[in-house]
Amino acid sequence: MNHGKSMLIKALLLFPVIWIVLTGFNEVTFLDSTIVAVILYVVAYIGDMLVVRNAGNTIGTIGDLILGTLVIWFTLTLLGYNNMLGESIAAGLILTAGEFFYHKWLIHNLFEETAEPAPNA
């Protein structure tokens, strides 16, 4: 199971989107954007390993949209940013588009590698 490669791909997808949407287009500091990204990265990677493996790409992608939006919004609220729901939804939607393809890659390259072969009948 090559978690290192899958974690790197996830980070390369997630961090730039969060930095661009929150810091580039809004007044969220780079440090706060990075905190949001780290929290979302950990929660979403664990979710991918559990949900996508067991429920598939469609459910995993829908879950990422909901989870991503809520984690971004909640974390920004905890960091003192108000009225950031629109920005959270925008970041969640952009991430979800990438997550769909990331999940396809996960299913093909990580989960199929570790699947046990079917017993000979």
N, C-alpha and C. Protein backbone atom coordinates (compact mmCIF):
# COMPACT_ATOMS: atom_id res chain seq x y z
N MET A 1 0.85 -1.18 0.00
CA MET A 1 0.00 0.00 0.00
C MET A 1 0.90 1.24 0.00
N ASN A 2 0.80 2.04 -1.03
CA ASN A 2 1.67 3.20 -1.18
C ASN A 2 0.95 4.47 -0.70
N HIS A 3 0.88 4.63 0.61
CA HIS A 3 0.21 5.81 1.16
C HIS A 3 1.00 7.08 0.91
N GLY A 4 2.30 6.99 0.86
CA GLY A 4 3.11 8.18 0.64
C GLY A 4 2.75 8.90 -0.65
N LYS A 5 2.64 8.15 -1.73
CA LYS A 5 2.29 8.74 -3.02
C LYS A 5 0.87 9.29 -3.00
N SER A 6 -0.06 8.56 -2.42
CA SER A 6 -1.45 9.04 -2.39
C SER A 6 -1.58 10.27 -1.49
N MET A 7 -0.81 10.34 -0.43
CA MET A 7 -0.84 11.52 0.44
C MET A 7 -0.25 12.74 -0.26
N LEU A 8 0.82 12.52 -1.02
CA LEU A 8 1.44 13.62 -1.76
C LEU A 8 0.48 14.18 -2.81
N ILE A 9 -0.17 13.30 -3.55
CA ILE A 9 -1.13 13.75 -4.57
C ILE A 9 -2.26 14.53 -3.91
N LYS A 10 -2.76 14.03 -2.79
CA LYS A 10 -3.83 14.72 -2.06
C LYS A 10 -3.37 16.11 -1.64
N ALA A 11 -2.17 16.22 -1.12
CA ALA A 11 -1.64 17.52 -0.68
C ALA A 11 -1.48 18.47 -1.87
N LEU A 12 -0.99 17.96 -3.00
CA LEU A 12 -0.81 18.80 -4.19
C LEU A 12 -2.14 19.27 -4.76
N LEU A 13 -3.19 18.55 -4.50
CA LEU A 13 -4.53 18.97 -4.92
C LEU A 13 -5.11 19.98 -3.93
N LEU A 14 -5.02 19.68 -2.66
CA LEU A 14 -5.73 20.44 -1.64
C LEU A 14 -5.07 21.77 -1.28
N PHE A 15 -3.79 21.77 -0.96
CA PHE A 15 -3.15 22.99 -0.45
C PHE A 15 -3.22 24.17 -1.43
N PRO A 16 -2.86 24.00 -2.70
CA PRO A 16 -2.94 25.16 -3.60
C PRO A 16 -4.36 25.73 -3.73
N VAL A 17 -5.36 24.86 -3.77
CA VAL A 17 -6.74 25.36 -3.88
C VAL A 17 -7.10 26.20 -2.66
N ILE A 18 -6.79 25.71 -1.48
CA ILE A 18 -7.09 26.45 -0.26
C ILE A 18 -6.33 27.78 -0.24
N TRP A 19 -5.05 27.74 -0.57
CA TRP A 19 -4.26 28.98 -0.57
C TRP A 19 -4.80 29.99 -1.58
N ILE A 20 -5.12 29.53 -2.77
CA ILE A 20 -5.60 30.46 -3.81
C ILE A 20 -6.97 31.02 -3.46
N VAL A 21 -7.91 30.16 -3.07
CA VAL A 21 -9.27 30.63 -2.79
C VAL A 21 -9.31 31.50 -1.54
N LEU A 22 -8.67 31.07 -0.47
CA LEU A 22 -8.79 31.79 0.79
C LEU A 22 -7.83 32.97 0.91
N THR A 23 -6.58 32.80 0.50
CA THR A 23 -5.61 33.88 0.62
C THR A 23 -5.55 34.73 -0.64
N GLY A 24 -5.59 34.09 -1.79
CA GLY A 24 -5.48 34.83 -3.04
C GLY A 24 -6.68 35.70 -3.35
N PHE A 25 -7.87 35.20 -3.07
CA PHE A 25 -9.09 35.93 -3.41
C PHE A 25 -9.83 36.49 -2.22
N ASN A 26 -9.36 36.22 -1.03
CA ASN A 26 -10.02 36.71 0.18
C ASN A 26 -8.96 37.21 1.14
N GLU A 27 -9.37 37.67 2.27
CA GLU A 27 -8.44 38.29 3.22
C GLU A 27 -8.05 37.34 4.35
N VAL A 28 -7.90 36.08 4.02
CA VAL A 28 -7.45 35.09 5.00
C VAL A 28 -5.93 35.05 4.91
N THR A 29 -5.26 35.09 6.06
CA THR A 29 -3.80 35.06 6.05
C THR A 29 -3.29 33.72 5.52
N PHE A 30 -2.07 33.73 5.03
CA PHE A 30 -1.47 32.49 4.53
C PHE A 30 -1.37 31.45 5.64
N LEU A 31 -1.00 31.90 6.83
CA LEU A 31 -0.91 30.97 7.97
C LEU A 31 -2.26 30.35 8.28
N ASP A 32 -3.31 31.16 8.31
CA ASP A 32 -4.64 30.62 8.59
C ASP A 32 -5.12 29.69 7.48
N SER A 33 -4.81 30.04 6.23
CA SER A 33 -5.15 29.15 5.11
C SER A 33 -4.44 27.81 5.25
N THR A 34 -3.19 27.87 5.69
CA THR A 34 -2.42 26.63 5.88
C THR A 34 -2.99 25.80 7.01
N ILE A 35 -3.42 26.44 8.08
CA ILE A 35 -4.06 25.71 9.19
C ILE A 35 -5.33 25.02 8.70
N VAL A 36 -6.15 25.74 7.94
CA VAL A 36 -7.36 25.15 7.37
C VAL A 36 -7.00 23.96 6.50
N ALA A 37 -5.99 24.12 5.65
CA ALA A 37 -5.59 23.06 4.73
C ALA A 37 -5.09 21.82 5.47
N VAL A 38 -4.31 22.01 6.51
CA VAL A 38 -3.77 20.87 7.27
C VAL A 38 -4.91 20.09 7.93
N ILE A 39 -5.84 20.81 8.56
CA ILE A 39 -6.96 20.14 9.22
C ILE A 39 -7.81 19.39 8.20
N LEU A 40 -8.13 20.06 7.10
CA LEU A 40 -8.93 19.40 6.06
C LEU A 40 -8.19 18.22 5.46
N TYR A 41 -6.90 18.36 5.24
CA TYR A 41 -6.08 17.28 4.67
C TYR A 41 -6.17 16.02 5.52
N VAL A 42 -5.99 16.17 6.82
CA VAL A 42 -6.00 15.00 7.72
C VAL A 42 -7.38 14.35 7.73
N VAL A 43 -8.41 15.18 7.92
CA VAL A 43 -9.78 14.65 8.01
C VAL A 43 -10.19 14.00 6.67
N ALA A 44 -9.89 14.68 5.56
CA ALA A 44 -10.30 14.18 4.25
C ALA A 44 -9.54 12.91 3.85
N TYR A 45 -8.25 12.82 4.20
CA TYR A 45 -7.49 11.62 3.84
C TYR A 45 -8.02 10.40 4.60
N ILE A 46 -8.29 10.59 5.87
CA ILE A 46 -8.87 9.49 6.64
C ILE A 46 -10.23 9.10 6.06
N GLY A 47 -11.03 10.10 5.72
CA GLY A 47 -12.32 9.84 5.09
C GLY A 47 -12.19 9.09 3.78
N ASP A 48 -11.21 9.48 2.96
CA ASP A 48 -10.99 8.77 1.69
C ASP A 48 -10.66 7.30 1.92
N MET A 49 -9.81 7.05 2.90
CA MET A 49 -9.40 5.68 3.16
C MET A 49 -10.58 4.83 3.64
N LEU A 50 -11.51 5.43 4.34
CA LEU A 50 -12.66 4.68 4.85
C LEU A 50 -13.83 4.67 3.87
N VAL A 51 -14.22 5.83 3.38
CA VAL A 51 -15.44 5.95 2.59
C VAL A 51 -15.23 5.48 1.15
N VAL A 52 -14.22 5.99 0.48
CA VAL A 52 -14.02 5.64 -0.93
C VAL A 52 -13.75 4.14 -1.08
N ARG A 53 -12.97 3.60 -0.18
CA ARG A 53 -12.67 2.17 -0.25
C ARG A 53 -13.94 1.33 -0.10
N ASN A 54 -14.83 1.74 0.79
CA ASN A 54 -16.01 0.92 1.09
C ASN A 54 -17.26 1.30 0.32
N ALA A 55 -17.41 2.59 -0.04
CA ALA A 55 -18.65 3.04 -0.66
C ALA A 55 -18.47 3.50 -2.10
N GLY A 56 -17.24 3.69 -2.54
CA GLY A 56 -17.00 4.05 -3.93
C GLY A 56 -16.83 5.55 -4.16
N ASN A 57 -16.59 5.88 -5.43
CA ASN A 57 -16.24 7.23 -5.82
C ASN A 57 -17.40 8.21 -5.65
N THR A 58 -18.58 7.85 -6.06
CA THR A 58 -19.70 8.80 -6.02
C THR A 58 -20.00 9.23 -4.58
N ILE A 59 -20.14 8.29 -3.69
CA ILE A 59 -20.43 8.61 -2.29
C ILE A 59 -19.25 9.37 -1.68
N GLY A 60 -18.03 8.95 -2.01
CA GLY A 60 -16.85 9.64 -1.50
C GLY A 60 -16.76 11.08 -1.97
N THR A 61 -17.13 11.32 -3.23
CA THR A 61 -17.09 12.67 -3.78
C THR A 61 -18.15 13.56 -3.15
N ILE A 62 -19.35 13.04 -2.99
CA ILE A 62 -20.42 13.80 -2.32
C ILE A 62 -20.01 14.09 -0.87
N GLY A 63 -19.46 13.09 -0.22
CA GLY A 63 -18.99 13.28 1.15
C GLY A 63 -17.90 14.33 1.24
N ASP A 64 -16.99 14.35 0.26
CA ASP A 64 -15.93 15.36 0.26
C ASP A 64 -16.48 16.76 0.09
N LEU A 65 -17.51 16.91 -0.74
CA LEU A 65 -18.12 18.23 -0.92
C LEU A 65 -18.69 18.72 0.42
N ILE A 66 -19.45 17.87 1.07
CA ILE A 66 -20.08 18.26 2.34
C ILE A 66 -19.02 18.45 3.43
N LEU A 67 -18.16 17.45 3.58
CA LEU A 67 -17.13 17.50 4.61
C LEU A 67 -16.18 18.66 4.38
N GLY A 68 -15.71 18.82 3.16
CA GLY A 68 -14.77 19.90 2.86
C GLY A 68 -15.33 21.27 3.15
N THR A 69 -16.55 21.50 2.69
CA THR A 69 -17.19 22.79 2.92
C THR A 69 -17.36 23.07 4.41
N LEU A 70 -17.84 22.07 5.14
CA LEU A 70 -18.07 22.26 6.58
C LEU A 70 -16.77 22.43 7.36
N VAL A 71 -15.75 21.66 7.03
CA VAL A 71 -14.47 21.78 7.75
C VAL A 71 -13.85 23.14 7.47
N ILE A 72 -13.87 23.59 6.23
CA ILE A 72 -13.31 24.90 5.90
C ILE A 72 -14.07 26.00 6.64
N TRP A 73 -15.38 25.97 6.55
CA TRP A 73 -16.20 27.00 7.18
C TRP A 73 -16.03 26.99 8.71
N PHE A 74 -16.09 25.81 9.32
CA PHE A 74 -15.97 25.70 10.77
C PHE A 74 -14.59 26.16 11.25
N THR A 75 -13.54 25.74 10.55
CA THR A 75 -12.18 26.13 10.95
C THR A 75 -11.98 27.63 10.81
N LEU A 76 -12.47 28.21 9.71
CA LEU A 76 -12.37 29.66 9.55
C LEU A 76 -13.12 30.39 10.65
N THR A 77 -14.27 29.87 11.03
CA THR A 77 -15.05 30.49 12.11
C THR A 77 -14.27 30.43 13.42
N LEU A 78 -13.65 29.28 13.70
CA LEU A 78 -12.84 29.15 14.92
C LEU A 78 -11.64 30.10 14.90
N LEU A 79 -11.12 30.38 13.71
CA LEU A 79 -9.98 31.29 13.58
C LEU A 79 -10.39 32.76 13.61
N GLY A 80 -11.70 33.02 13.71
CA GLY A 80 -12.16 34.38 13.86
C GLY A 80 -12.68 35.05 12.59
N TYR A 81 -12.81 34.29 11.52
CA TYR A 81 -13.34 34.84 10.27
C TYR A 81 -14.85 34.66 10.25
N ASN A 82 -15.57 35.73 9.95
CA ASN A 82 -17.02 35.68 9.89
C ASN A 82 -17.49 35.77 8.45
N ASN A 83 -18.68 35.29 8.19
CA ASN A 83 -19.29 35.39 6.87
C ASN A 83 -18.43 34.77 5.78
N MET A 84 -17.93 33.58 6.03
CA MET A 84 -17.06 32.89 5.07
C MET A 84 -17.73 31.67 4.45
N LEU A 85 -19.04 31.56 4.56
CA LEU A 85 -19.72 30.39 4.01
C LEU A 85 -19.58 30.33 2.49
N GLY A 86 -19.73 31.45 1.82
CA GLY A 86 -19.59 31.47 0.36
C GLY A 86 -18.21 31.03 -0.10
N GLU A 87 -17.19 31.51 0.57
CA GLU A 87 -15.82 31.13 0.24
C GLU A 87 -15.58 29.65 0.54
N SER A 88 -16.20 29.16 1.61
CA SER A 88 -16.07 27.75 1.97
C SER A 88 -16.74 26.87 0.92
N ILE A 89 -17.90 27.29 0.45
CA ILE A 89 -18.59 26.54 -0.60
C ILE A 89 -17.78 26.55 -1.89
N ALA A 90 -17.24 27.70 -2.25
CA ALA A 90 -16.43 27.80 -3.47
C ALA A 90 -15.22 26.87 -3.40
N ALA A 91 -14.49 26.91 -2.29
CA ALA A 91 -13.33 26.03 -2.14
C ALA A 91 -13.76 24.57 -2.15
N GLY A 92 -14.88 24.27 -1.47
CA GLY A 92 -15.39 22.90 -1.44
C GLY A 92 -15.74 22.39 -2.83
N LEU A 93 -16.38 23.23 -3.63
CA LEU A 93 -16.74 22.82 -5.00
C LEU A 93 -15.51 22.58 -5.87
N ILE A 94 -14.54 23.46 -5.78
CA ILE A 94 -13.31 23.30 -6.58
C ILE A 94 -12.58 22.02 -6.16
N LEU A 95 -12.46 21.81 -4.86
CA LEU A 95 -11.80 20.60 -4.37
C LEU A 95 -12.54 19.35 -4.80
N THR A 96 -13.86 19.40 -4.79
CA THR A 96 -14.67 18.24 -5.15
C THR A 96 -14.42 17.83 -6.60
N ALA A 97 -14.26 18.79 -7.47
CA ALA A 97 -13.97 18.47 -8.87
C ALA A 97 -12.67 17.67 -8.99
N GLY A 98 -11.66 18.08 -8.25
CA GLY A 98 -10.39 17.34 -8.26
C GLY A 98 -10.49 16.01 -7.53
N GLU A 99 -11.26 15.98 -6.46
CA GLU A 99 -11.40 14.76 -5.67
C GLU A 99 -12.01 13.62 -6.48
N PHE A 100 -12.92 13.94 -7.38
CA PHE A 100 -13.53 12.90 -8.21
C PHE A 100 -12.44 12.11 -8.94
N PHE A 101 -11.49 12.81 -9.54
CA PHE A 101 -10.41 12.16 -10.27
C PHE A 101 -9.39 11.53 -9.34
N TYR A 102 -9.16 12.15 -8.20
CA TYR A 102 -8.26 11.58 -7.20
C TYR A 102 -8.82 10.25 -6.69
N HIS A 103 -10.10 10.19 -6.45
CA HIS A 103 -10.72 8.93 -5.99
C HIS A 103 -10.58 7.84 -7.05
N LYS A 104 -10.77 8.20 -8.32
CA LYS A 104 -10.58 7.21 -9.40
C LYS A 104 -9.16 6.66 -9.35
N TRP A 105 -8.19 7.54 -9.17
CA TRP A 105 -6.80 7.12 -9.08
C TRP A 105 -6.60 6.22 -7.86
N LEU A 106 -7.18 6.61 -6.71
CA LEU A 106 -7.05 5.80 -5.49
C LEU A 106 -7.59 4.40 -5.70
N ILE A 107 -8.78 4.32 -6.26
CA ILE A 107 -9.43 3.02 -6.46
C ILE A 107 -8.57 2.14 -7.36
N HIS A 108 -8.05 2.71 -8.42
CA HIS A 108 -7.28 1.93 -9.39
C HIS A 108 -5.87 1.61 -8.89
N ASN A 109 -5.21 2.57 -8.24
CA ASN A 109 -3.79 2.40 -7.90
C ASN A 109 -3.50 1.99 -6.47
N LEU A 110 -4.39 2.29 -5.55
CA LEU A 110 -4.10 1.95 -4.16
C LEU A 110 -4.98 0.82 -3.66
N PHE A 111 -6.27 0.94 -3.87
CA PHE A 111 -7.19 -0.05 -3.31
C PHE A 111 -7.15 -1.37 -4.07
N GLU A 112 -7.02 -1.32 -5.39
CA GLU A 112 -6.96 -2.59 -6.16
C GLU A 112 -5.66 -3.33 -5.89
N GLU A 113 -4.58 -2.58 -5.59
CA GLU A 113 -3.30 -3.20 -5.26
C GLU A 113 -3.39 -4.04 -3.99
N THR A 114 -4.19 -3.55 -3.05
CA THR A 114 -4.24 -4.21 -1.75
C THR A 114 -5.39 -5.20 -1.60
N ALA A 115 -6.21 -5.28 -2.62
CA ALA A 115 -7.34 -6.22 -2.56
C ALA A 115 -6.80 -7.65 -2.54
N GLU A 116 -7.43 -8.48 -1.76
CA GLU A 116 -7.02 -9.88 -1.72
C GLU A 116 -7.54 -10.58 -2.96
N PRO A 117 -6.72 -11.42 -3.55
CA PRO A 117 -7.18 -12.15 -4.72
C PRO A 117 -8.34 -13.08 -4.38
N ALA A 118 -9.22 -13.24 -5.33
CA ALA A 118 -10.36 -14.15 -5.13
C ALA A 118 -9.85 -15.57 -5.03
N PRO A 119 -10.45 -16.37 -4.13
CA PRO A 119 -10.01 -17.77 -4.01
C PRO A 119 -10.36 -18.54 -5.29
N ASN A 120 -9.53 -19.50 -5.60
CA ASN A 120 -9.78 -20.33 -6.78
C ASN A 120 -10.97 -21.25 -6.51
N ALA A 121 -11.88 -21.28 -7.45
CA ALA A 121 -13.07 -22.11 -7.25
C ALA A 121 -12.92 -23.44 -7.94
